[in-house]
N, C-alpha and C. Protein backbone atom coordinates (compact mmCIF):
# COMPACT_ATOMS: atom_id res chain seq x y z
N ASP A 1 36.31 114.70 -69.34
CA ASP A 1 35.06 115.25 -69.33
C ASP A 1 34.38 114.89 -67.86
N TRP A 2 33.17 115.23 -67.70
CA TRP A 2 32.62 115.04 -66.65
C TRP A 2 31.11 114.83 -66.86
N GLU A 3 30.45 114.19 -65.96
CA GLU A 3 29.04 113.79 -66.14
C GLU A 3 28.38 113.69 -64.63
N ALA A 4 27.18 113.94 -64.56
CA ALA A 4 26.51 113.92 -63.37
C ALA A 4 25.24 112.93 -63.28
N TYR A 5 24.91 112.35 -62.30
CA TYR A 5 23.67 111.56 -62.44
C TYR A 5 23.03 111.42 -61.03
N ALA A 6 21.74 111.16 -61.13
CA ALA A 6 21.02 110.77 -59.88
C ALA A 6 20.36 109.35 -60.08
N ALA A 7 20.48 108.68 -58.97
CA ALA A 7 20.06 107.21 -59.22
C ALA A 7 19.10 107.16 -57.88
N PHE A 8 17.94 106.35 -58.16
CA PHE A 8 16.98 106.05 -57.22
C PHE A 8 16.50 104.61 -57.35
N THR A 9 16.78 103.95 -56.18
CA THR A 9 16.60 102.69 -55.98
C THR A 9 15.59 102.34 -55.13
N LYS A 10 14.75 101.37 -55.27
CA LYS A 10 13.60 100.95 -54.45
C LYS A 10 13.29 99.47 -54.54
N VAL A 11 13.15 98.67 -53.35
CA VAL A 11 12.79 97.32 -53.23
C VAL A 11 11.36 97.16 -52.91
N PHE A 12 10.73 96.49 -53.79
CA PHE A 12 9.23 96.22 -53.71
C PHE A 12 8.91 94.81 -53.30
N PHE A 13 7.55 94.59 -52.84
CA PHE A 13 7.11 93.24 -52.79
C PHE A 13 7.65 92.44 -51.82
N ARG A 14 8.02 92.75 -50.69
CA ARG A 14 8.59 92.22 -49.50
C ARG A 14 10.12 91.55 -50.08
N TYR A 15 10.75 92.45 -50.51
CA TYR A 15 12.16 92.17 -50.82
C TYR A 15 12.45 91.33 -52.00
N SER A 16 11.54 91.26 -52.81
CA SER A 16 11.83 90.34 -54.05
C SER A 16 12.03 91.15 -55.43
N THR A 17 11.77 92.30 -55.44
CA THR A 17 11.82 93.01 -56.71
C THR A 17 12.68 94.40 -56.51
N LEU A 18 13.49 94.59 -57.16
CA LEU A 18 14.51 95.78 -57.07
C LEU A 18 14.45 96.60 -58.26
N VAL A 19 13.91 97.95 -58.10
CA VAL A 19 13.96 98.83 -59.33
C VAL A 19 14.93 99.91 -59.18
N ASN A 20 15.59 100.39 -60.18
CA ASN A 20 16.73 101.20 -60.23
C ASN A 20 16.51 102.04 -61.38
N LEU A 21 16.22 103.44 -61.15
CA LEU A 21 15.93 104.33 -62.16
C LEU A 21 17.29 105.61 -62.07
N VAL A 22 17.87 105.78 -63.23
CA VAL A 22 18.99 106.76 -63.24
C VAL A 22 18.61 107.79 -64.40
N ALA A 23 18.92 109.06 -63.75
CA ALA A 23 19.00 110.31 -64.75
C ALA A 23 20.51 110.61 -64.84
N ARG A 24 20.92 110.60 -66.09
CA ARG A 24 22.46 111.04 -66.39
C ARG A 24 22.57 112.08 -67.19
N TYR A 25 23.31 113.16 -66.74
CA TYR A 25 23.62 114.41 -67.65
C TYR A 25 24.96 114.24 -68.13
N THR A 26 25.07 113.93 -69.43
CA THR A 26 26.24 113.65 -70.15
C THR A 26 26.25 114.03 -71.58
N SER A 27 27.21 114.04 -72.18
CA SER A 27 27.61 114.33 -73.59
C SER A 27 28.43 112.95 -74.18
N ALA A 28 28.41 111.89 -73.47
CA ALA A 28 29.18 110.53 -73.67
C ALA A 28 28.86 109.97 -74.95
N ASN A 29 29.53 109.48 -75.88
CA ASN A 29 29.29 108.47 -76.97
C ASN A 29 29.71 107.23 -76.58
N GLN A 30 28.62 106.29 -76.75
CA GLN A 30 29.09 104.84 -76.31
C GLN A 30 29.48 104.82 -75.04
N ILE A 31 28.97 105.45 -73.95
CA ILE A 31 29.45 105.48 -72.58
C ILE A 31 30.82 106.09 -72.32
N GLY A 32 31.15 106.85 -73.49
CA GLY A 32 32.48 107.42 -73.33
C GLY A 32 33.58 106.63 -74.09
N LEU A 33 33.33 105.58 -74.57
CA LEU A 33 34.27 104.69 -75.22
C LEU A 33 34.82 105.33 -76.54
N VAL A 34 34.18 106.09 -77.11
CA VAL A 34 34.47 106.71 -78.58
C VAL A 34 34.22 108.22 -78.31
N GLY A 35 34.68 108.88 -77.05
CA GLY A 35 34.67 110.04 -76.97
C GLY A 35 33.33 110.88 -76.62
N PHE A 36 33.32 112.25 -76.45
CA PHE A 36 32.22 113.03 -75.86
C PHE A 36 31.87 114.02 -76.81
N GLY A 37 30.60 114.46 -76.92
CA GLY A 37 30.27 115.51 -77.89
C GLY A 37 30.22 115.06 -79.36
N ARG A 38 30.27 116.06 -80.04
CA ARG A 38 30.22 115.86 -81.53
C ARG A 38 31.20 116.99 -82.40
N CYS A 39 31.67 116.56 -83.54
CA CYS A 39 32.48 117.44 -84.35
C CYS A 39 31.92 117.30 -85.71
N ASP A 40 31.71 118.37 -86.37
CA ASP A 40 31.28 118.35 -87.84
C ASP A 40 32.49 118.84 -88.61
N GLY A 41 33.19 117.86 -89.00
CA GLY A 41 34.34 118.22 -89.86
C GLY A 41 35.44 118.52 -88.79
N LEU A 42 36.47 119.37 -89.41
CA LEU A 42 37.64 119.92 -88.52
C LEU A 42 37.19 120.89 -87.59
N GLN A 43 36.06 121.51 -87.81
CA GLN A 43 35.49 122.70 -86.88
C GLN A 43 34.22 122.30 -86.35
N GLY A 44 33.63 123.10 -85.45
CA GLY A 44 32.30 123.09 -85.03
C GLY A 44 32.25 122.04 -84.07
N CYS A 45 33.07 121.86 -83.10
CA CYS A 45 33.06 120.82 -82.01
C CYS A 45 32.19 121.32 -80.89
N SER A 46 31.41 120.50 -80.42
CA SER A 46 30.42 120.96 -79.26
C SER A 46 30.30 119.82 -78.21
N ASN A 47 30.33 120.04 -77.01
CA ASN A 47 30.18 119.12 -75.88
C ASN A 47 28.84 119.22 -75.19
N ASP A 48 27.77 119.59 -75.96
CA ASP A 48 26.48 119.85 -75.29
C ASP A 48 25.98 118.53 -74.56
N LYS A 49 25.79 118.69 -73.35
CA LYS A 49 25.24 117.62 -72.44
C LYS A 49 23.79 117.48 -72.51
N GLU A 50 23.33 116.36 -72.25
CA GLU A 50 21.89 116.25 -72.21
C GLU A 50 21.41 115.20 -71.01
N VAL A 51 20.14 115.04 -70.67
CA VAL A 51 19.68 114.16 -69.67
C VAL A 51 19.31 112.74 -70.36
N ARG A 52 19.84 111.60 -70.02
CA ARG A 52 19.61 110.31 -70.55
C ARG A 52 19.13 109.57 -69.46
N PHE A 53 18.21 108.52 -69.81
CA PHE A 53 17.53 107.71 -68.72
C PHE A 53 18.22 106.25 -68.84
N GLU A 54 18.13 105.72 -67.59
CA GLU A 54 18.52 104.28 -67.61
C GLU A 54 17.72 103.74 -66.57
N ALA A 55 17.30 102.36 -66.51
CA ALA A 55 16.36 101.65 -65.74
C ALA A 55 16.94 100.14 -65.74
N SER A 56 16.63 99.58 -64.51
CA SER A 56 16.85 98.11 -64.26
C SER A 56 16.03 97.56 -63.23
N VAL A 57 15.52 96.39 -63.48
CA VAL A 57 14.49 95.68 -62.75
C VAL A 57 15.21 94.30 -62.54
N ALA A 58 15.25 93.91 -61.33
CA ALA A 58 15.62 92.58 -60.94
C ALA A 58 14.45 91.93 -60.12
N HIS A 59 14.25 90.64 -60.39
CA HIS A 59 13.27 90.20 -59.52
C HIS A 59 13.72 88.74 -58.99
N LEU A 60 13.74 88.59 -57.57
CA LEU A 60 14.13 87.09 -57.02
C LEU A 60 13.07 86.33 -56.99
N VAL A 61 13.27 85.25 -58.01
CA VAL A 61 12.17 84.23 -58.16
C VAL A 61 12.40 83.00 -57.07
N ALA A 62 13.63 83.06 -56.51
CA ALA A 62 13.90 82.22 -55.44
C ALA A 62 15.08 83.03 -54.52
N LYS A 63 15.26 82.37 -53.46
CA LYS A 63 16.59 83.23 -52.54
C LYS A 63 17.60 83.41 -53.32
N ASN A 64 17.98 82.33 -54.20
CA ASN A 64 19.15 82.35 -54.89
C ASN A 64 19.14 82.51 -56.48
N THR A 65 17.89 83.00 -56.88
CA THR A 65 17.75 83.02 -58.48
C THR A 65 17.10 84.47 -58.79
N ALA A 66 17.60 85.10 -59.68
CA ALA A 66 17.03 86.26 -60.08
C ALA A 66 16.89 86.29 -61.63
N ILE A 67 15.89 87.12 -62.09
CA ILE A 67 15.68 87.31 -63.51
C ILE A 67 15.53 89.05 -63.58
N GLY A 68 15.91 89.54 -64.79
CA GLY A 68 15.54 90.90 -64.90
C GLY A 68 15.96 91.50 -66.19
N PHE A 69 15.90 92.93 -66.32
CA PHE A 69 16.26 93.60 -67.45
C PHE A 69 16.94 94.79 -67.14
N GLU A 70 17.66 95.45 -68.25
CA GLU A 70 18.21 96.68 -68.06
C GLU A 70 18.15 97.60 -69.40
N TYR A 71 17.85 98.77 -69.16
CA TYR A 71 17.99 99.68 -70.39
C TYR A 71 18.77 101.05 -70.18
N GLN A 72 19.48 101.32 -71.28
CA GLN A 72 20.26 102.65 -71.18
C GLN A 72 19.98 103.50 -72.51
N GLN A 73 19.54 104.74 -72.19
CA GLN A 73 19.25 105.58 -73.34
C GLN A 73 20.66 106.10 -73.83
N HIS A 74 20.88 106.32 -75.18
CA HIS A 74 22.21 106.86 -75.80
C HIS A 74 21.81 108.05 -76.47
N GLY A 75 22.90 108.77 -77.07
CA GLY A 75 22.58 110.11 -77.66
C GLY A 75 22.70 109.64 -79.05
N ASP A 76 22.68 111.03 -79.88
CA ASP A 76 22.80 110.93 -81.25
C ASP A 76 23.93 111.87 -81.89
N ASN A 77 25.03 111.85 -81.22
CA ASN A 77 26.05 112.59 -81.68
C ASN A 77 26.65 112.02 -82.84
N LEU A 78 26.86 110.70 -83.04
CA LEU A 78 27.67 110.04 -83.98
C LEU A 78 27.04 109.80 -85.43
N ASP A 79 25.87 109.85 -85.58
CA ASP A 79 25.13 109.36 -86.76
C ASP A 79 25.64 109.94 -88.17
N GLY A 80 26.26 109.21 -88.96
CA GLY A 80 26.71 109.82 -90.14
C GLY A 80 28.06 110.52 -90.08
N ARG A 81 28.70 110.75 -88.95
CA ARG A 81 29.95 111.32 -88.93
C ARG A 81 31.16 110.38 -89.25
N SER A 82 32.26 110.97 -89.68
CA SER A 82 33.31 110.25 -89.88
C SER A 82 34.08 109.86 -88.66
N ILE A 83 34.80 108.93 -88.68
CA ILE A 83 35.57 108.41 -87.61
C ILE A 83 36.77 109.33 -87.31
N ASN A 84 37.17 109.40 -86.08
CA ASN A 84 38.33 110.31 -85.74
C ASN A 84 39.42 109.36 -85.08
N VAL A 85 40.64 109.37 -85.81
CA VAL A 85 41.71 108.38 -85.31
C VAL A 85 42.97 109.28 -84.89
N GLY A 86 43.07 109.05 -83.42
CA GLY A 86 44.23 109.93 -82.92
C GLY A 86 44.08 111.41 -83.19
N GLY A 87 42.95 111.94 -83.25
CA GLY A 87 42.86 113.28 -83.33
C GLY A 87 42.84 113.68 -84.98
N LEU A 88 42.98 112.67 -85.83
CA LEU A 88 42.87 113.02 -87.26
C LEU A 88 41.46 112.65 -87.90
N ASN A 89 40.74 113.70 -88.27
CA ASN A 89 39.34 113.57 -88.70
C ASN A 89 39.51 113.18 -90.06
N LEU A 90 38.77 111.99 -90.48
CA LEU A 90 38.77 111.21 -91.60
C LEU A 90 37.71 111.73 -92.59
N THR A 91 37.13 112.96 -92.58
CA THR A 91 36.20 113.46 -93.25
C THR A 91 36.39 113.45 -94.75
N GLY A 92 37.56 113.99 -95.01
CA GLY A 92 38.09 114.07 -96.56
C GLY A 92 38.13 112.76 -97.05
N LEU A 93 38.76 111.75 -96.39
CA LEU A 93 38.69 110.36 -96.86
C LEU A 93 37.64 109.77 -97.11
N THR A 94 36.53 110.07 -96.22
CA THR A 94 35.22 109.57 -96.29
C THR A 94 34.71 110.07 -97.73
N GLU A 95 34.66 111.35 -97.94
CA GLU A 95 34.27 111.93 -99.26
C GLU A 95 35.05 111.32 -100.37
N LEU A 96 36.26 111.25 -100.24
CA LEU A 96 37.04 110.57 -101.58
C LEU A 96 36.51 109.09 -101.74
N LEU A 97 36.24 108.28 -100.59
CA LEU A 97 35.59 107.00 -100.88
C LEU A 97 34.27 107.10 -101.33
N ASP A 98 33.56 108.02 -101.02
CA ASP A 98 32.32 108.17 -101.65
C ASP A 98 32.20 108.48 -103.16
N GLY A 99 33.47 109.31 -103.65
CA GLY A 99 33.34 109.65 -104.88
C GLY A 99 33.84 108.46 -105.67
N LEU A 100 34.43 107.46 -105.28
CA LEU A 100 34.79 106.22 -105.90
C LEU A 100 33.61 105.29 -106.48
N SER A 101 32.48 105.58 -105.72
CA SER A 101 31.26 104.78 -106.07
C SER A 101 31.49 103.24 -105.99
N VAL A 102 32.18 102.81 -105.10
CA VAL A 102 32.46 101.41 -104.98
C VAL A 102 31.41 100.99 -103.85
N ASP A 103 30.38 99.96 -103.99
CA ASP A 103 29.59 99.59 -102.98
C ASP A 103 30.38 99.17 -101.81
N GLY A 104 29.80 99.82 -100.57
CA GLY A 104 30.24 99.49 -99.19
C GLY A 104 31.31 100.43 -98.85
N LEU A 105 32.08 101.00 -99.69
CA LEU A 105 33.14 101.92 -99.31
C LEU A 105 32.71 103.26 -98.86
N SER A 106 31.73 103.81 -99.42
CA SER A 106 31.31 105.07 -99.06
C SER A 106 30.94 105.32 -97.51
N ASN A 107 30.31 104.11 -96.91
CA ASN A 107 30.10 104.29 -95.57
C ASN A 107 30.98 103.67 -94.61
N ALA A 108 31.98 103.11 -95.22
CA ALA A 108 33.04 102.45 -94.37
C ALA A 108 33.61 103.15 -93.22
N LEU A 109 33.66 104.41 -93.24
CA LEU A 109 34.35 105.20 -92.20
C LEU A 109 33.26 106.23 -91.51
N GLN A 110 31.98 105.95 -91.95
CA GLN A 110 31.04 106.89 -91.37
C GLN A 110 30.52 105.81 -90.05
N GLN A 111 30.12 106.77 -89.02
CA GLN A 111 29.69 106.05 -87.87
C GLN A 111 28.19 105.82 -87.99
N GLU A 112 27.73 104.83 -87.37
CA GLU A 112 26.29 104.54 -87.26
C GLU A 112 25.58 105.25 -86.26
N GLU A 113 24.18 105.39 -86.39
CA GLU A 113 23.45 106.00 -85.40
C GLU A 113 23.61 105.26 -83.98
N GLU A 114 23.82 105.96 -82.94
CA GLU A 114 24.12 105.21 -81.59
C GLU A 114 22.79 104.53 -81.22
N SER A 115 22.81 103.38 -80.92
CA SER A 115 21.59 102.71 -80.46
C SER A 115 21.54 102.67 -78.75
N ASP A 116 20.25 102.69 -78.39
CA ASP A 116 20.07 102.41 -76.93
C ASP A 116 20.43 101.01 -76.52
N TRP A 117 20.88 100.71 -75.48
CA TRP A 117 21.26 99.44 -75.03
C TRP A 117 20.25 98.79 -74.12
N TRP A 118 19.95 97.54 -74.29
CA TRP A 118 18.98 96.61 -73.55
C TRP A 118 19.69 95.30 -73.18
N ASP A 119 19.24 94.68 -72.08
CA ASP A 119 19.76 93.38 -71.96
C ASP A 119 18.56 92.69 -71.04
N ILE A 120 18.52 91.35 -71.09
CA ILE A 120 17.65 90.62 -70.25
C ILE A 120 18.71 89.72 -69.43
N PHE A 121 18.53 89.34 -68.45
CA PHE A 121 19.51 88.43 -67.66
C PHE A 121 18.92 87.36 -66.81
N PHE A 122 19.60 86.29 -66.38
CA PHE A 122 19.06 85.49 -65.43
C PHE A 122 20.47 85.17 -64.42
N ALA A 123 20.29 85.15 -63.18
CA ALA A 123 21.55 84.98 -62.27
C ALA A 123 21.06 84.02 -61.39
N TYR A 124 22.01 83.08 -60.96
CA TYR A 124 21.90 81.85 -60.04
C TYR A 124 23.06 81.78 -59.16
N ALA A 125 23.04 81.72 -57.86
CA ALA A 125 23.94 81.55 -57.02
C ALA A 125 23.71 80.32 -56.12
N PRO A 126 24.22 79.33 -56.51
CA PRO A 126 23.89 78.17 -55.63
C PRO A 126 24.34 77.93 -54.29
N ASN A 127 25.34 78.66 -54.12
CA ASN A 127 25.98 78.97 -52.70
C ASN A 127 26.59 80.30 -52.53
N LYS A 128 27.24 80.55 -51.41
CA LYS A 128 27.66 81.96 -51.18
C LYS A 128 29.14 82.04 -51.97
N LYS A 129 29.68 80.87 -52.42
CA LYS A 129 31.00 80.85 -53.29
C LYS A 129 31.07 80.99 -54.73
N ILE A 130 29.81 80.65 -55.22
CA ILE A 130 29.66 80.32 -56.66
C ILE A 130 28.34 81.18 -57.17
N SER A 131 28.53 81.77 -58.32
CA SER A 131 27.48 82.58 -58.90
C SER A 131 27.58 82.48 -60.41
N PHE A 132 26.46 82.49 -61.24
CA PHE A 132 26.44 82.34 -62.76
C PHE A 132 25.49 83.54 -62.96
N VAL A 133 25.90 84.15 -64.42
CA VAL A 133 24.88 85.01 -64.92
C VAL A 133 25.01 84.91 -66.26
N ILE A 134 23.66 84.63 -66.88
CA ILE A 134 23.57 84.57 -68.36
C ILE A 134 22.79 85.58 -68.76
N ALA A 135 23.12 86.44 -69.96
CA ALA A 135 22.38 87.47 -70.58
C ALA A 135 22.31 87.50 -71.99
N TYR A 136 21.38 88.10 -72.44
CA TYR A 136 21.36 88.60 -73.91
C TYR A 136 21.31 89.99 -74.03
N LEU A 137 22.35 90.61 -74.63
CA LEU A 137 22.50 91.93 -74.85
C LEU A 137 22.14 92.32 -76.17
N MET A 138 21.53 93.59 -76.34
CA MET A 138 21.20 94.08 -77.49
C MET A 138 21.67 95.53 -77.66
N LEU A 139 22.95 95.64 -78.14
CA LEU A 139 23.74 96.94 -78.00
C LEU A 139 23.48 97.64 -79.34
N GLY A 140 23.06 97.02 -80.23
CA GLY A 140 22.90 97.68 -81.58
C GLY A 140 24.07 98.21 -82.30
N ASN A 141 24.02 99.46 -82.88
CA ASN A 141 25.21 100.17 -83.51
C ASN A 141 26.16 100.79 -82.56
N ILE A 142 27.33 100.35 -82.83
CA ILE A 142 28.65 100.91 -81.87
C ILE A 142 29.57 101.35 -82.99
N SER A 143 29.78 102.57 -83.13
CA SER A 143 30.69 103.24 -83.97
C SER A 143 30.36 102.73 -85.45
N VAL A 144 31.16 102.06 -86.17
CA VAL A 144 31.21 101.77 -87.74
C VAL A 144 30.60 100.29 -87.75
N SER A 145 30.26 99.70 -86.58
CA SER A 145 29.86 98.36 -86.55
C SER A 145 28.48 98.24 -86.07
N PRO A 146 27.49 97.69 -87.21
CA PRO A 146 25.94 97.64 -86.80
C PRO A 146 25.69 96.30 -86.14
N ASP A 147 24.52 96.22 -85.58
CA ASP A 147 23.89 95.16 -84.91
C ASP A 147 24.78 94.21 -83.98
N ASN A 148 25.37 94.96 -82.98
CA ASN A 148 26.06 94.09 -81.87
C ASN A 148 25.29 93.74 -80.74
N ASN A 149 24.76 92.42 -81.11
CA ASN A 149 23.81 91.74 -80.19
C ASN A 149 24.58 90.46 -79.79
N GLY A 150 24.31 89.91 -78.54
CA GLY A 150 24.64 88.54 -78.41
C GLY A 150 24.64 88.15 -76.89
N PHE A 151 24.97 86.89 -76.48
CA PHE A 151 24.84 86.43 -75.24
C PHE A 151 26.21 86.88 -74.51
N TYR A 152 25.91 86.71 -73.14
CA TYR A 152 27.22 87.01 -72.10
C TYR A 152 26.91 85.90 -71.10
N PHE A 153 27.93 85.34 -70.54
CA PHE A 153 28.05 84.52 -69.58
C PHE A 153 29.24 84.83 -68.51
N SER A 154 28.76 84.89 -67.51
CA SER A 154 30.00 85.00 -66.21
C SER A 154 29.68 84.06 -65.14
N THR A 155 30.95 83.75 -64.48
CA THR A 155 30.95 82.83 -63.45
C THR A 155 31.80 83.68 -62.44
N HIS A 156 31.50 83.58 -61.23
CA HIS A 156 32.14 84.16 -60.06
C HIS A 156 32.46 83.18 -59.08
N LEU A 157 33.70 82.85 -58.72
CA LEU A 157 34.03 81.73 -57.83
C LEU A 157 34.92 82.52 -56.81
N THR A 158 34.51 82.32 -55.39
CA THR A 158 35.37 82.66 -54.48
C THR A 158 35.92 81.56 -53.68
N PHE A 159 37.19 81.76 -53.37
CA PHE A 159 37.92 80.59 -52.45
C PHE A 159 38.29 81.05 -51.12
């Protein structure tokens, strides 16, 4: 599949605040990790693209320390649809599980509504060879798994 985007980046306040805005023309589901477009059952697949927005802001509180946030808008192609495994659509199995009337099974193979993604971050580089980033990510629903939120920590070392 393909997508197109336009990104606009500007530095404000004497080089201390960076703002990045993106308009992305896409049909990606979870940034393409679970496919593109939508299928209703075995027929009726479409790959209709739409414009989605992204933004990020980073502010240097010192020469080697930054804080900021990011946002990425997501589509609504997945809400309530059965998962597709290796090209095999599991709509019939989902309906069978729903007919069993066992708590939790009826929605086990149905995808959650795709959530927009957010994060806040803190970055610190004590010197040119070491940097640290800690962030809290709010990814929300991803496929059949709800409430994917948590911390992220990264270290970059150069020798």
